[in-house]
Amino acid sequence: MRFPVPPPVRIAIDRLGSPGAFYRLAGRLVPWCAGAALALTLLALALLVAPEGSARGEASRILFVHVPAAWTSLLLYFAMAACAGLALASGQRLAALLMTALAPTGILFTCLALWTGWLLGKPSWHGSWAWDAQLACEMILFALYAAVLALRLAIDDPARADRACAVLVLVGALNVPFVYYTLSWWQGLHDRAASAAPAMAATMLGGMLLLTLAFCMYAKAVALARVRFLMLERAALRRWLGREGAA
């Protein structure tokens, strides 16, 4: 079922949705996004310092990666949900391709957030692993990314796969605000570790924000490159099926 889209929005979608125009634009943006990601990462590393008086000592440096990775995993799923909604509302195939292209990078940053959280566990929580609300919701996010990838591989027809994945992504989007608000709804291990630590230094917060932006630019570069590959793959599949039908 498609929903009515205002004419100005429809015109913008049609212009950006032209396969040829998008393919060329994505090709030009990939190196710029990759270069911006590298520059922002180097700038963030220049601010890689542990706050004075931190109870976690040098382990606080892991927060430079853990927090931006967790933020990016949520932002990428929000972007996937926006693409899924656009694909279902307007039937825009490029939106569905972007949704599919973002999933592998999203699961990458979710794994990175979980792994760095595990590294922080021993000095912060006096244990290598422990469950709380934030960790459980991040695991749910990992499961959602994995489910989207698995569903995409399980359905042979690209159009049906796009619709099924879009519905799954939108249903799973209910978890995104849930993950965010668990920080204030439940008092867990994250909260106790944060209360035991001193106030975050401004340079450390700035480094986290810069690295989050770097992660987002990296995700954009990889997703655009992956969309170009998917476009070529589907075009080749259509030509192959056309030759098979003619034969």
C-alpha atoms as a PDB file:
ATOM      1  CA  MET A   1       0.000   0.000   0.000  1.00  0.00           C
ATOM      2  CA  ARG A   2       1.367   3.399  -0.996  1.00  0.00           C
ATOM      3  CA  PHE A   3       0.560   6.687   0.654  1.00  0.00           C
ATOM      4  CA  PRO A   4       0.030  10.020  -1.132  1.00  0.00           C
ATOM      5  CA  VAL A   5       3.168  12.114  -1.457  1.00  0.00           C
ATOM      6  CA  PRO A   6       3.005  15.932  -1.919  1.00  0.00           C
ATOM      7  CA  PRO A   7       3.903  17.027  -5.490  1.00  0.00           C
ATOM      8  CA  PRO A   8       7.078  19.001  -4.521  1.00  0.00           C
ATOM      9  CA  VAL A   9       8.380  16.011  -2.593  1.00  0.00           C
ATOM     10  CA  ARG A  10       7.496  13.730  -5.486  1.00  0.00           C
ATOM     11  CA  ILE A  11       9.433  15.933  -7.944  1.00  0.00           C
ATOM     12  CA  ALA A  12      12.515  15.929  -5.686  1.00  0.00           C
ATOM     13  CA  ILE A  13      12.288  12.165  -5.240  1.00  0.00           C
ATOM     14  CA  ASP A  14      11.993  11.596  -8.995  1.00  0.00           C
ATOM     15  CA  ARG A  15      15.030  13.761  -9.733  1.00  0.00           C
ATOM     16  CA  LEU A  16      17.198  12.159  -7.063  1.00  0.00           C
ATOM     17  CA  GLY A  17      15.770   8.748  -7.869  1.00  0.00           C
ATOM     18  CA  SER A  18      17.004   8.713 -11.443  1.00  0.00           C
ATOM     19  CA  PRO A  19      19.334   5.667 -11.466  1.00  0.00           C
ATOM     20  CA  GLY A  20      21.865   7.228 -13.799  1.00  0.00           C
ATOM     21  CA  ALA A  21      22.001  10.555 -11.951  1.00  0.00           C
ATOM     22  CA  PHE A  22      22.239   8.876  -8.549  1.00  0.00           C
ATOM     23  CA  TYR A  23      24.933   6.467  -9.726  1.00  0.00           C
ATOM     24  CA  ARG A  24      27.120   9.335 -10.954  1.00  0.00           C
ATOM     25  CA  LEU A  25      26.449  11.455  -7.866  1.00  0.00           C
ATOM     26  CA  ALA A  26      27.275   8.565  -5.532  1.00  0.00           C
ATOM     27  CA  GLY A  27      30.519   7.939  -7.394  1.00  0.00           C
ATOM     28  CA  ARG A  28      31.575  11.547  -6.866  1.00  0.00           C
ATOM     29  CA  LEU A  29      30.580  11.574  -3.186  1.00  0.00           C
ATOM     30  CA  VAL A  30      32.312   8.354  -2.114  1.00  0.00           C
ATOM     31  CA  PRO A  31      35.924   9.669  -2.135  1.00  0.00           C
ATOM     32  CA  TRP A  32      34.892  12.947  -0.498  1.00  0.00           C
ATOM     33  CA  CYS A  33      33.043  11.158   2.295  1.00  0.00           C
ATOM     34  CA  ALA A  34      35.925   8.733   2.797  1.00  0.00           C
ATOM     35  CA  GLY A  35      38.415  11.592   2.934  1.00  0.00           C
ATOM     36  CA  ALA A  36      36.256  13.496   5.419  1.00  0.00           C
ATOM     37  CA  ALA A  37      35.986  10.372   7.584  1.00  0.00           C
ATOM     38  CA  LEU A  38      39.768   9.995   7.647  1.00  0.00           C
ATOM     39  CA  ALA A  39      40.376  13.673   8.433  1.00  0.00           C
ATOM     40  CA  LEU A  40      37.788  13.707  11.234  1.00  0.00           C
ATOM     41  CA  THR A  41      39.216  10.510  12.709  1.00  0.00           C
ATOM     42  CA  LEU A  42      42.722  11.976  12.821  1.00  0.00           C
ATOM     43  CA  LEU A  43      41.383  15.148  14.416  1.00  0.00           C
ATOM     44  CA  ALA A  44      39.474  13.120  17.007  1.00  0.00           C
ATOM     45  CA  LEU A  45      42.576  11.070  17.821  1.00  0.00           C
ATOM     46  CA  ALA A  46      44.403  14.307  18.579  1.00  0.00           C
ATOM     47  CA  LEU A  47      41.934  14.788  21.453  1.00  0.00           C
ATOM     48  CA  LEU A  48      42.375  11.232  22.741  1.00  0.00           C
ATOM     49  CA  VAL A  49      43.100  11.927  26.400  1.00  0.00           C
ATOM     50  CA  ALA A  50      41.767  10.319  29.566  1.00  0.00           C
ATOM     51  CA  PRO A  51      40.030  12.679  32.019  1.00  0.00           C
ATOM     52  CA  GLU A  52      42.125  13.554  35.032  1.00  0.00           C
ATOM     53  CA  GLY A  53      41.142  11.581  38.118  1.00  0.00           C
ATOM     54  CA  SER A  54      39.244   8.985  36.120  1.00  0.00           C
ATOM     55  CA  ALA A  55      38.657   5.812  38.123  1.00  0.00           C
ATOM     56  CA  ARG A  56      39.046   3.786  34.938  1.00  0.00           C
ATOM     57  CA  GLY A  57      42.436   5.257  34.079  1.00  0.00           C
ATOM     58  CA  GLU A  58      43.672   4.490  30.573  1.00  0.00           C
ATOM     59  CA  ALA A  59      40.583   2.340  29.960  1.00  0.00           C
ATOM     60  CA  SER A  60      38.662   5.606  29.631  1.00  0.00           C
ATOM     61  CA  ARG A  61      40.184   5.937  26.185  1.00  0.00           C
ATOM     62  CA  ILE A  62      37.996   3.051  25.034  1.00  0.00           C
ATOM     63  CA  LEU A  63      35.016   5.367  25.589  1.00  0.00           C
ATOM     64  CA  PHE A  64      36.297   7.327  22.587  1.00  0.00           C
ATOM     65  CA  VAL A  65      35.229   4.404  20.413  1.00  0.00           C
ATOM     66  CA  HIS A  66      32.486   2.800  22.510  1.00  0.00           C
ATOM     67  CA  VAL A  67      30.183   5.803  22.800  1.00  0.00           C
ATOM     68  CA  PRO A  68      30.466   6.988  19.147  1.00  0.00           C
ATOM     69  CA  ALA A  69      29.965   3.405  17.937  1.00  0.00           C
ATOM     70  CA  ALA A  70      26.796   3.063  20.022  1.00  0.00           C
ATOM     71  CA  TRP A  71      25.499   6.427  18.801  1.00  0.00           C
ATOM     72  CA  THR A  72      26.280   5.549  15.179  1.00  0.00           C
ATOM     73  CA  SER A  73      24.544   2.170  15.432  1.00  0.00           C
ATOM     74  CA  LEU A  74      21.357   3.966  16.484  1.00  0.00           C
ATOM     75  CA  LEU A  75      21.704   6.721  13.873  1.00  0.00           C
ATOM     76  CA  LEU A  76      22.176   4.213  11.068  1.00  0.00           C
ATOM     77  CA  TYR A  77      19.082   2.281  12.074  1.00  0.00           C
ATOM     78  CA  PHE A  78      17.130   5.555  12.143  1.00  0.00           C
ATOM     79  CA  ALA A  79      18.418   6.258   8.608  1.00  0.00           C
ATOM     80  CA  MET A  80      17.369   2.744   7.553  1.00  0.00           C
ATOM     81  CA  ALA A  81      13.888   3.342   8.968  1.00  0.00           C
ATOM     82  CA  ALA A  82      13.612   6.629   7.045  1.00  0.00           C
ATOM     83  CA  CYS A  83      14.612   4.855   3.814  1.00  0.00           C
ATOM     84  CA  ALA A  84      12.164   2.037   4.554  1.00  0.00           C
ATOM     85  CA  GLY A  85       9.308   4.491   5.084  1.00  0.00           C
ATOM     86  CA  LEU A  86      10.164   6.315   1.859  1.00  0.00           C
ATOM     87  CA  ALA A  87      10.385   3.036  -0.060  1.00  0.00           C
ATOM     88  CA  LEU A  88       6.970   1.868   1.146  1.00  0.00           C
ATOM     89  CA  ALA A  89       5.289   5.257   0.741  1.00  0.00           C
ATOM     90  CA  SER A  90       6.587   6.129  -2.720  1.00  0.00           C
ATOM     91  CA  GLY A  91       7.839   2.851  -4.168  1.00  0.00           C
ATOM     92  CA  GLN A  92      11.277   4.440  -4.608  1.00  0.00           C
ATOM     93  CA  ARG A  93      13.709   1.632  -5.434  1.00  0.00           C
ATOM     94  CA  LEU A  94      16.824   3.640  -4.577  1.00  0.00           C
ATOM     95  CA  ALA A  95      15.497   4.208  -1.059  1.00  0.00           C
ATOM     96  CA  ALA A  96      15.155   0.448  -0.675  1.00  0.00           C
ATOM     97  CA  LEU A  97      18.698  -0.024  -1.961  1.00  0.00           C
ATOM     98  CA  LEU A  98      20.013   2.527   0.542  1.00  0.00           C
ATOM     99  CA  MET A  99      18.179   0.725   3.322  1.00  0.00           C
ATOM    100  CA  THR A 100      19.808  -2.548   2.274  1.00  0.00           C
ATOM    101  CA  ALA A 101      23.234  -0.922   1.921  1.00  0.00           C
ATOM    102  CA  LEU A 102      23.168   0.559   5.428  1.00  0.00           C
ATOM    103  CA  ALA A 103      22.466  -2.733   7.210  1.00  0.00           C
ATOM    104  CA  PRO A 104      25.982  -4.296   7.042  1.00  0.00           C
ATOM    105  CA  THR A 105      27.608  -1.085   8.301  1.00  0.00           C
ATOM    106  CA  GLY A 106      24.993  -0.799  11.040  1.00  0.00           C
ATOM    107  CA  ILE A 107      25.722  -4.286  12.323  1.00  0.00           C
ATOM    108  CA  LEU A 108      29.447  -3.485  12.169  1.00  0.00           C
ATOM    109  CA  PHE A 109      29.087  -0.521  14.529  1.00  0.00           C
ATOM    110  CA  THR A 110      26.725  -2.461  16.792  1.00  0.00           C
ATOM    111  CA  CYS A 111      29.358  -5.193  17.136  1.00  0.00           C
ATOM    112  CA  LEU A 112      31.990  -2.525  17.767  1.00  0.00           C
ATOM    113  CA  ALA A 113      29.870  -0.985  20.528  1.00  0.00           C
ATOM    114  CA  LEU A 114      29.323  -4.389  22.159  1.00  0.00           C
ATOM    115  CA  TRP A 115      32.991  -5.357  21.895  1.00  0.00           C
ATOM    116  CA  THR A 116      34.332  -2.102  23.324  1.00  0.00           C
ATOM    117  CA  GLY A 117      31.694  -2.324  26.065  1.00  0.00           C
ATOM    118  CA  TRP A 118      33.069  -5.749  26.923  1.00  0.00           C
ATOM    119  CA  LEU A 119      36.587  -4.281  27.096  1.00  0.00           C
ATOM    120  CA  LEU A 120      35.329  -1.601  29.489  1.00  0.00           C
ATOM    121  CA  GLY A 121      33.512  -4.152  31.631  1.00  0.00           C
ATOM    122  CA  LYS A 122      36.342  -5.396  33.831  1.00  0.00           C
ATOM    123  CA  PRO A 123      37.751  -2.057  35.090  1.00  0.00           C
ATOM    124  CA  SER A 124      34.317  -0.399  35.259  1.00  0.00           C
ATOM    125  CA  TRP A 125      31.995  -3.147  36.501  1.00  0.00           C
ATOM    126  CA  HIS A 126      34.586  -5.537  38.026  1.00  0.00           C
ATOM    127  CA  GLY A 127      33.509  -8.249  35.616  1.00  0.00           C
ATOM    128  CA  SER A 128      34.109  -9.118  31.972  1.00  0.00           C
ATOM    129  CA  TRP A 129      30.400  -9.092  31.087  1.00  0.00           C
ATOM    130  CA  ALA A 130      27.170  -8.190  32.842  1.00  0.00           C
ATOM    131  CA  TRP A 131      23.644  -7.586  31.626  1.00  0.00           C
ATOM    132  CA  ASP A 132      21.696  -4.370  32.062  1.00  0.00           C
ATOM    133  CA  ALA A 133      18.964  -2.588  30.110  1.00  0.00           C
ATOM    134  CA  GLN A 134      21.309  -0.715  27.757  1.00  0.00           C
ATOM    135  CA  LEU A 135      23.266  -3.826  26.847  1.00  0.00           C
ATOM    136  CA  ALA A 136      20.083  -5.857  26.314  1.00  0.00           C
ATOM    137  CA  CYS A 137      18.653  -3.197  23.975  1.00  0.00           C
ATOM    138  CA  GLU A 138      21.920  -2.999  22.033  1.00  0.00           C
ATOM    139  CA  MET A 139      21.759  -6.774  21.596  1.00  0.00           C
ATOM    140  CA  ILE A 140      18.195  -6.372  20.295  1.00  0.00           C
ATOM    141  CA  LEU A 141      19.516  -3.809  17.818  1.00  0.00           C
ATOM    142  CA  PHE A 142      22.152  -6.314  16.700  1.00  0.00           C
ATOM    143  CA  ALA A 143      19.422  -8.943  16.242  1.00  0.00           C
ATOM    144  CA  LEU A 144      17.361  -6.513  14.138  1.00  0.00           C
ATOM    145  CA  TYR A 145      20.274  -5.754  11.826  1.00  0.00           C
ATOM    146  CA  ALA A 146      21.007  -9.478  11.505  1.00  0.00           C
ATOM    147  CA  ALA A 147      17.323 -10.235  10.814  1.00  0.00           C
ATOM    148  CA  VAL A 148      17.215  -7.665   8.000  1.00  0.00           C
ATOM    149  CA  LEU A 149      20.316  -9.162   6.373  1.00  0.00           C
ATOM    150  CA  ALA A 150      19.002 -12.712   6.775  1.00  0.00           C
ATOM    151  CA  LEU A 151      15.570 -11.829   5.369  1.00  0.00           C
ATOM    152  CA  ARG A 152      17.180 -10.115   2.409  1.00  0.00           C
ATOM    153  CA  LEU A 153      19.150 -13.261   1.598  1.00  0.00           C
ATOM    154  CA  ALA A 154      16.167 -15.561   2.145  1.00  0.00           C
ATOM    155  CA  ILE A 155      13.964 -13.956  -0.557  1.00  0.00           C
ATOM    156  CA  ASP A 156      15.080 -14.336  -4.148  1.00  0.00           C
ATOM    157  CA  ASP A 157      12.808 -11.703  -5.704  1.00  0.00           C
ATOM    158  CA  PRO A 158      14.440  -8.285  -5.119  1.00  0.00           C
ATOM    159  CA  ALA A 159      11.142  -6.365  -5.046  1.00  0.00           C
ATOM    160  CA  ARG A 160       9.555  -8.698  -2.506  1.00  0.00           C
ATOM    161  CA  ALA A 161      12.734  -8.695  -0.442  1.00  0.00           C
ATOM    162  CA  ASP A 162      12.789  -4.887  -0.389  1.00  0.00           C
ATOM    163  CA  ARG A 163       9.180  -4.684   0.827  1.00  0.00           C
ATOM    164  CA  ALA A 164       9.630  -7.365   3.472  1.00  0.00           C
ATOM    165  CA  CYS A 165      12.829  -5.792   4.798  1.00  0.00           C
ATOM    166  CA  ALA A 166      11.235  -2.337   4.857  1.00  0.00           C
ATOM    167  CA  VAL A 167       8.349  -3.613   6.988  1.00  0.00           C
ATOM    168  CA  LEU A 168      10.765  -5.380   9.341  1.00  0.00           C
ATOM    169  CA  VAL A 169      12.916  -2.261   9.671  1.00  0.00           C
ATOM    170  CA  LEU A 170       9.914  -0.072  10.520  1.00  0.00           C
ATOM    171  CA  VAL A 171       8.655  -2.549  13.119  1.00  0.00           C
ATOM    172  CA  GLY A 172      12.139  -2.774  14.610  1.00  0.00           C
ATOM    173  CA  ALA A 173      12.383   1.035  14.720  1.00  0.00           C
ATOM    174  CA  LEU A 174      10.264   0.879  17.873  1.00  0.00           C
ATOM    175  CA  ASN A 175      13.426  -0.346  19.610  1.00  0.00           C
ATOM    176  CA  VAL A 176      15.451   2.780  18.752  1.00  0.00           C
ATOM    177  CA  PRO A 177      13.755   5.223  21.173  1.00  0.00           C
ATOM    178  CA  PHE A 178      13.551   2.350  23.654  1.00  0.00           C
ATOM    179  CA  VAL A 179      17.367   2.052  23.617  1.00  0.00           C
ATOM    180  CA  TYR A 180      17.756   5.801  24.034  1.00  0.00           C
ATOM    181  CA  TYR A 181      15.366   6.186  26.947  1.00  0.00           C
ATOM    182  CA  THR A 182      16.720   3.200  28.868  1.00  0.00           C
ATOM    183  CA  LEU A 183      19.472   5.577  29.963  1.00  0.00           C
ATOM    184  CA  SER A 184      16.933   7.387  32.145  1.00  0.00           C
ATOM    185  CA  TRP A 185      14.293   4.699  32.732  1.00  0.00           C
ATOM    186  CA  TRP A 186      16.492   2.121  34.465  1.00  0.00           C
ATOM    187  CA  GLN A 187      19.412   2.446  36.823  1.00  0.00           C
ATOM    188  CA  GLY A 188      21.876  -0.094  35.480  1.00  0.00           C
ATOM    189  CA  LEU A 189      25.576  -0.773  35.406  1.00  0.00           C
ATOM    190  CA  HIS A 190      26.140   2.053  32.929  1.00  0.00           C
ATOM    191  CA  ASP A 191      24.642   4.524  35.379  1.00  0.00           C
ATOM    192  CA  ARG A 192      26.724   3.301  38.313  1.00  0.00           C
ATOM    193  CA  ALA A 193      29.900   3.450  36.238  1.00  0.00           C
ATOM    194  CA  ALA A 194      29.029   6.962  35.075  1.00  0.00           C
ATOM    195  CA  SER A 195      28.265   8.187  38.600  1.00  0.00           C
ATOM    196  CA  ALA A 196      31.613   6.869  39.831  1.00  0.00           C
ATOM    197  CA  ALA A 197      33.519   8.770  37.141  1.00  0.00           C
ATOM    198  CA  PRO A 198      34.351  12.488  37.179  1.00  0.00           C
ATOM    199  CA  ALA A 199      32.680  14.955  34.880  1.00  0.00           C
ATOM    200  CA  MET A 200      33.625  14.353  31.265  1.00  0.00           C
ATOM    201  CA  ALA A 201      36.297  16.705  29.989  1.00  0.00           C
ATOM    202  CA  ALA A 202      35.240  19.049  27.208  1.00  0.00           C
ATOM    203  CA  THR A 203      38.042  17.780  24.966  1.00  0.00           C
ATOM    204  CA  MET A 204      36.904  14.184  25.475  1.00  0.00           C
ATOM    205  CA  LEU A 205      33.299  15.048  24.590  1.00  0.00           C
ATOM    206  CA  GLY A 206      34.511  16.963  21.555  1.00  0.00           C
ATOM    207  CA  GLY A 207      36.573  13.980  20.465  1.00  0.00           C
ATOM    208  CA  MET A 208      33.562  11.683  20.801  1.00  0.00           C
ATOM    209  CA  LEU A 209      31.416  14.001  18.689  1.00  0.00           C
ATOM    210  CA  LEU A 210      34.113  14.263  16.034  1.00  0.00           C
ATOM    211  CA  LEU A 211      34.551  10.492  15.920  1.00  0.00           C
ATOM    212  CA  THR A 212      30.776  10.030  15.681  1.00  0.00           C
ATOM    213  CA  LEU A 213      30.755  12.349  12.685  1.00  0.00           C
ATOM    214  CA  ALA A 214      33.719  10.442  11.229  1.00  0.00           C
ATOM    215  CA  PHE A 215      31.847   7.149  11.663  1.00  0.00           C
ATOM    216  CA  CYS A 216      28.794   8.636   9.949  1.00  0.00           C
ATOM    217  CA  MET A 217      30.883   9.857   7.002  1.00  0.00           C
ATOM    218  CA  TYR A 218      32.491   6.425   6.737  1.00  0.00           C
ATOM    219  CA  ALA A 219      29.058   4.796   6.791  1.00  0.00           C
ATOM    220  CA  LYS A 220      27.892   7.177   4.068  1.00  0.00           C
ATOM    221  CA  ALA A 221      30.896   6.403   1.857  1.00  0.00           C
ATOM    222  CA  VAL A 222      30.507   2.652   2.279  1.00  0.00           C
ATOM    223  CA  ALA A 223      26.723   2.741   1.786  1.00  0.00           C
ATOM    224  CA  LEU A 224      26.993   4.795  -1.419  1.00  0.00           C
ATOM    225  CA  ALA A 225      29.655   2.458  -2.785  1.00  0.00           C
ATOM    226  CA  ARG A 226      27.489  -0.538  -1.868  1.00  0.00           C
ATOM    227  CA  VAL A 227      24.431   1.019  -3.551  1.00  0.00           C
ATOM    228  CA  ARG A 228      26.409   1.460  -6.773  1.00  0.00           C
ATOM    229  CA  PHE A 229      27.347  -2.231  -6.622  1.00  0.00           C
ATOM    230  CA  LEU A 230      23.728  -3.260  -5.975  1.00  0.00           C
ATOM    231  CA  MET A 231      22.550  -1.156  -8.910  1.00  0.00           C
ATOM    232  CA  LEU A 232      25.047  -2.857 -11.228  1.00  0.00           C
ATOM    233  CA  GLU A 233      24.138  -6.268  -9.820  1.00  0.00           C
ATOM    234  CA  ARG A 234      20.414  -5.793 -10.402  1.00  0.00           C
ATOM    235  CA  ALA A 235      20.970  -4.346 -13.876  1.00  0.00           C
ATOM    236  CA  ALA A 236      23.091  -7.370 -14.784  1.00  0.00           C
ATOM    237  CA  LEU A 237      20.435  -9.696 -13.368  1.00  0.00           C
ATOM    238  CA  ARG A 238      17.707  -8.039 -15.475  1.00  0.00           C
ATOM    239  CA  ARG A 239      19.817  -8.339 -18.627  1.00  0.00           C
ATOM    240  CA  TRP A 240      20.547 -12.003 -17.873  1.00  0.00           C
ATOM    241  CA  LEU A 241      16.892 -12.787 -17.235  1.00  0.00           C
ATOM    242  CA  GLY A 242      15.955 -10.936 -20.422  1.00  0.00           C
ATOM    243  CA  ARG A 243      18.343 -13.067 -22.486  1.00  0.00           C
ATOM    244  CA  GLU A 244      17.088 -16.233 -20.816  1.00  0.00           C
ATOM    245  CA  GLY A 245      13.470 -15.269 -21.566  1.00  0.00           C
ATOM    246  CA  ALA A 246      14.264 -14.485 -25.185  1.00  0.00           C
ATOM    247  CA  ALA A 247      16.001 -17.821 -25.595  1.00  0.00           C
END
